[in-house]
Each structure stands twice: as structure tokens, then as C-alpha cells.
C-alpha atoms as a PDB file:
ATOM      1  CA  MET A   1      28.477  62.460   3.015  1.00  0.00           C
ATOM      2  CA  ALA A   2      27.527  59.082   4.266  1.00  0.00           C
ATOM      3  CA  HIS A   3      28.802  56.068   2.864  1.00  0.00           C
ATOM      4  CA  ILE A   4      25.566  53.320   2.552  1.00  0.00           C
ATOM      5  CA  GLU A   5      26.260  49.724   1.823  1.00  0.00           C
ATOM      6  CA  GLY A   6      23.693  46.820   2.225  1.00  0.00           C
ATOM      7  CA  GLY A   7      21.974  43.848   0.482  1.00  0.00           C
ATOM      8  CA  CYS A   8      19.733  41.148   0.745  1.00  0.00           C
ATOM      9  CA  LEU A   9      19.536  38.094   2.901  1.00  0.00           C
ATOM     10  CA  CYS A  10      21.328  35.628   0.425  1.00  0.00           C
ATOM     11  CA  GLY A  11      23.928  37.660  -0.584  1.00  0.00           C
ATOM     12  CA  GLN A  12      22.851  37.804  -4.237  1.00  0.00           C
ATOM     13  CA  VAL A  13      21.996  41.278  -4.170  1.00  0.00           C
ATOM     14  CA  ARG A  14      24.455  44.280  -2.909  1.00  0.00           C
ATOM     15  CA  PHE A  15      24.036  48.219  -3.200  1.00  0.00           C
ATOM     16  CA  SER A  16      26.749  50.957  -1.936  1.00  0.00           C
ATOM     17  CA  GLY A  17      26.998  54.384  -2.496  1.00  0.00           C
ATOM     18  CA  ASP A  18      27.852  57.779  -0.953  1.00  0.00           C
ATOM     19  CA  ALA A  19      24.748  60.055  -0.282  1.00  0.00           C
ATOM     20  CA  GLU A  20      23.060  61.720   2.603  1.00  0.00           C
ATOM     21  CA  PRO A  21      19.423  60.645   3.220  1.00  0.00           C
ATOM     22  CA  VAL A  22      17.475  62.941   1.925  1.00  0.00           C
ATOM     23  CA  PHE A  23      14.902  61.750   4.798  1.00  0.00           C
ATOM     24  CA  GLN A  24      14.037  58.792   6.438  1.00  0.00           C
ATOM     25  CA  ALA A  25      10.310  57.573   7.206  1.00  0.00           C
ATOM     26  CA  ILE A  26       8.112  54.615   8.562  1.00  0.00           C
ATOM     27  CA  CYS A  27       5.572  53.569   6.116  1.00  0.00           C
ATOM     28  CA  HIS A  28       2.559  52.237   7.032  1.00  0.00           C
ATOM     29  CA  CYS A  29       0.451  51.699   3.935  1.00  0.00           C
ATOM     30  CA  LYS A  30      -1.130  48.330   2.931  1.00  0.00           C
ATOM     31  CA  ASN A  31       1.247  47.606   0.191  1.00  0.00           C
ATOM     32  CA  CYS A  32       4.256  48.164   2.479  1.00  0.00           C
ATOM     33  CA  GLN A  33       2.882  46.110   4.860  1.00  0.00           C
ATOM     34  CA  LYS A  34       2.075  43.181   2.470  1.00  0.00           C
ATOM     35  CA  GLN A  35       5.649  43.768   0.904  1.00  0.00           C
ATOM     36  CA  ALA A  36       7.304  43.721   4.062  1.00  0.00           C
ATOM     37  CA  GLY A  37       5.083  40.975   6.085  1.00  0.00           C
ATOM     38  CA  THR A  38       4.765  43.011   8.597  1.00  0.00           C
ATOM     39  CA  ALA A  39       3.495  46.195  10.022  1.00  0.00           C
ATOM     40  CA  TYR A  40       5.271  48.835   8.191  1.00  0.00           C
ATOM     41  CA  SER A  41       8.287  49.398   6.081  1.00  0.00           C
ATOM     42  CA  VAL A  42      11.381  51.992   7.316  1.00  0.00           C
ATOM     43  CA  ILE A  43      12.340  53.435   4.173  1.00  0.00           C
ATOM     44  CA  VAL A  44      15.721  55.799   3.853  1.00  0.00           C
ATOM     45  CA  GLY A  45      15.308  58.272   0.711  1.00  0.00           C
ATOM     46  CA  VAL A  46      18.525  58.723  -1.275  1.00  0.00           C
ATOM     47  CA  PRO A  47      19.095  60.746  -4.490  1.00  0.00           C
ATOM     48  CA  ARG A  48      18.416  58.735  -7.351  1.00  0.00           C
ATOM     49  CA  GLY A  49      21.703  57.558  -9.157  1.00  0.00           C
ATOM     50  CA  ALA A  50      23.478  57.513  -5.441  1.00  0.00           C
ATOM     51  CA  LEU A  51      23.667  53.666  -5.079  1.00  0.00           C
ATOM     52  CA  THR A  52      25.500  51.341  -7.076  1.00  0.00           C
ATOM     53  CA  VAL A  53      23.687  47.958  -7.489  1.00  0.00           C
ATOM     54  CA  THR A  54      24.837  44.601  -8.089  1.00  0.00           C
ATOM     55  CA  GLY A  55      23.206  41.347  -8.708  1.00  0.00           C
ATOM     56  CA  THR A  56      20.002  40.960 -10.452  1.00  0.00           C
ATOM     57  CA  LEU A  57      16.809  42.706  -9.001  1.00  0.00           C
ATOM     58  CA  LYS A  58      13.329  41.540  -9.962  1.00  0.00           C
ATOM     59  CA  THR A  59      10.523  44.303 -10.130  1.00  0.00           C
ATOM     60  CA  TYR A  60       7.090  44.405  -8.936  1.00  0.00           C
ATOM     61  CA  HIS A  61       5.328  47.178 -10.856  1.00  0.00           C
ATOM     62  CA  ASP A  62       2.520  48.000  -7.977  1.00  0.00           C
ATOM     63  CA  LYS A  63       0.097  51.174  -7.852  1.00  0.00           C
ATOM     64  CA  GLY A  64      -0.052  53.281  -5.369  1.00  0.00           C
ATOM     65  CA  ASP A  65      -3.352  54.976  -3.595  1.00  0.00           C
ATOM     66  CA  SER A  66      -3.083  57.851  -6.110  1.00  0.00           C
ATOM     67  CA  GLY A  67      -2.894  55.174  -9.204  1.00  0.00           C
ATOM     68  CA  GLY A  68       0.562  55.807  -9.828  1.00  0.00           C
ATOM     69  CA  THR A  69       3.215  53.597 -10.189  1.00  0.00           C
ATOM     70  CA  VAL A  70       5.631  52.297  -7.612  1.00  0.00           C
ATOM     71  CA  ASP A  71       8.234  49.932  -8.458  1.00  0.00           C
ATOM     72  CA  ARG A  72       9.378  47.542  -5.916  1.00  0.00           C
ATOM     73  CA  HIS A  73      12.663  45.878  -6.534  1.00  0.00           C
ATOM     74  CA  PHE A  74      13.597  42.867  -4.621  1.00  0.00           C
ATOM     75  CA  CYS A  75      16.243  39.877  -4.811  1.00  0.00           C
ATOM     76  CA  PRO A  76      14.537  36.847  -7.344  1.00  0.00           C
ATOM     77  CA  ASP A  77      16.601  34.083  -5.091  1.00  0.00           C
ATOM     78  CA  CYS A  78      15.456  34.803  -1.203  1.00  0.00           C
ATOM     79  CA  GLY A  79      12.639  37.758  -1.940  1.00  0.00           C
ATOM     80  CA  SER A  80      14.388  40.440   0.356  1.00  0.00           C
ATOM     81  CA  PRO A  81      12.808  43.766  -0.707  1.00  0.00           C
ATOM     82  CA  ILE A  82      15.563  46.052  -1.590  1.00  0.00           C
ATOM     83  CA  LEU A  83      14.461  49.200  -3.083  1.00  0.00           C
ATOM     84  CA  SER A  84      11.201  51.074  -4.038  1.00  0.00           C
ATOM     85  CA  ASP A  85      10.755  54.109  -6.474  1.00  0.00           C
ATOM     86  CA  ALA A  86       7.994  55.740  -8.116  1.00  0.00           C
ATOM     87  CA  PRO A  87       8.254  58.346 -11.285  1.00  0.00           C
ATOM     88  CA  ALA A  88       5.892  60.596  -8.952  1.00  0.00           C
ATOM     89  CA  ASN A  89       9.302  61.313  -6.992  1.00  0.00           C
ATOM     90  CA  PRO A  90      11.618  60.921  -9.901  1.00  0.00           C
ATOM     91  CA  ALA A  91      14.680  62.479  -7.687  1.00  0.00           C
ATOM     92  CA  LEU A  92      14.952  59.479  -5.160  1.00  0.00           C
ATOM     93  CA  VAL A  93      14.767  55.978  -4.396  1.00  0.00           C
ATOM     94  CA  PHE A  94      13.521  54.452  -1.079  1.00  0.00           C
ATOM     95  CA  ILE A  95      15.991  52.096   0.358  1.00  0.00           C
ATOM     96  CA  LYS A  96      14.193  49.304   2.615  1.00  0.00           C
ATOM     97  CA  ALA A  97      16.040  50.030   5.806  1.00  0.00           C
ATOM     98  CA  GLY A  98      16.530  46.642   7.125  1.00  0.00           C
ATOM     99  CA  THR A  99      18.803  45.721   4.175  1.00  0.00           C
ATOM    100  CA  LEU A 100      21.365  48.241   5.108  1.00  0.00           C
ATOM    101  CA  ASP A 101      24.665  46.246   6.810  1.00  0.00           C
ATOM    102  CA  ASP A 102      24.555  49.376   9.690  1.00  0.00           C
ATOM    103  CA  ALA A 103      21.308  50.486  10.458  1.00  0.00           C
ATOM    104  CA  SER A 104      22.478  51.840  13.640  1.00  0.00           C
ATOM    105  CA  TRP A 105      21.883  55.613  12.661  1.00  0.00           C
ATOM    106  CA  VAL A 106      18.266  54.853  11.087  1.00  0.00           C
ATOM    107  CA  ALA A 107      15.958  57.397  13.118  1.00  0.00           C
ATOM    108  CA  PRO A 108      13.271  58.184  10.948  1.00  0.00           C
ATOM    109  CA  GLN A 109      11.930  61.363  11.369  1.00  0.00           C
ATOM    110  CA  ILE A 110       8.034  61.256   9.865  1.00  0.00           C
ATOM    111  CA  HIS A 111       5.371  58.196   9.707  1.00  0.00           C
ATOM    112  CA  ILE A 112       3.347  58.069   6.469  1.00  0.00           C
ATOM    113  CA  TRP A 113       0.027  56.437   5.422  1.00  0.00           C
ATOM    114  CA  ALA A 114      -0.641  56.595   9.519  1.00  0.00           C
ATOM    115  CA  GLU A 115      -4.364  55.479   8.551  1.00  0.00           C
ATOM    116  CA  SER A 116      -3.434  52.147   7.737  1.00  0.00           C
ATOM    117  CA  ALA A 117      -1.552  51.383  10.986  1.00  0.00           C
ATOM    118  CA  MET A 118      -2.080  48.230  12.355  1.00  0.00           C
ATOM    119  CA  ALA A 119      -3.170  48.610  15.882  1.00  0.00           C
ATOM    120  CA  CYS A 120      -0.144  46.963  17.434  1.00  0.00           C
ATOM    121  CA  THR A 121       1.815  50.177  16.367  1.00  0.00           C
ATOM    122  CA  THR A 122       2.237  52.946  18.707  1.00  0.00           C
ATOM    123  CA  ILE A 123       3.604  56.173  16.912  1.00  0.00           C
ATOM    124  CA  PRO A 124       5.843  58.266  19.321  1.00  0.00           C
ATOM    125  CA  ALA A 125       4.338  61.588  20.544  1.00  0.00           C
ATOM    126  CA  GLY A 126       6.016  64.243  18.931  1.00  0.00           C
ATOM    127  CA  VAL A 127       6.762  62.726  15.454  1.00  0.00           C
ATOM    128  CA  PRO A 128       4.922  63.953  12.735  1.00  0.00           C
ATOM    129  CA  ALA A 129       2.252  61.434  11.354  1.00  0.00           C
ATOM    130  CA  PHE A 130       0.538  62.006   8.172  1.00  0.00           C
ATOM    131  CA  PRO A 131      -2.660  60.109   6.822  1.00  0.00           C
ATOM    132  CA  LYS A 132      -1.206  59.622   3.849  1.00  0.00           C
ATOM    133  CA  ASN A 133       1.597  60.850   1.970  1.00  0.00           C
ATOM    134  CA  PRO A 134       2.846  64.646   3.000  1.00  0.00           C
ATOM    135  CA  GLY A 135       2.327  67.207   0.762  1.00  0.00           C
END
């Protein structure tokens, strides 16, 4: 089992837990682009309940392409996006990989919402890319 730790830019929000990541992905959806302020969001899916969060998170209730809710949790002081979760996938929460203290092990296996990828983004040959969410 892996020990995961991380937090926001200002240090007000911290998270930790012991869990094996279920998957790692790069999301190119327009809403992840807007939240991250860049071309995509690197996410690590872990079992819900595996993380302990300290500090106060603010939540933006977003709407996914399916019409379902995506809750985006971020630090209210520095604005760092920390976690996302979606009722459509109740078993997982999604850590924003840039908030990990040690992200040296992060190696996304798939690209999702590739139809929204910016022209400046190259998806490596051989890495599965889905136009929207897989499944």
C-alpha cells in the first residue's frame, strides 16, 4: 500500500492516507482546463475514504458533460485545486497530482476527454486516449 501526502500552495489544506491508486489519468476536459488554468489536469483516483483531509476546503459544484455533478474541492485561501469527486463514480476521489508532496511515481496510463485537448498537447503514441470518459 502506498502512503500519499500532499497539500495546497499555502499549506492550510493537507491530506494523507494509505491507498494504492486505482488509476492515473490526464483529463483534457474544458472544465479541468479552466480549473487548472492550463492544458489539462493530472488526476490520481484513490478509494473514497482513503484520505484524511485537514484544513478547510471550499467546494464548487460543477456539472459534467453528462449533466452529472462534479464536486471540485479547493483551498479557499490560495485557490489550489485539491480533490474532485463525482456521484457517478462514488467509490473514488480524484487527487490533483500537482498537490502531491512526492509526485515522482505519477505516470498516467490514459488520457480522457482527448477530443478537448489543446493543439499544444501531444498524447504519446501507445497511450490510450478516449474522446470522452471511457466506458
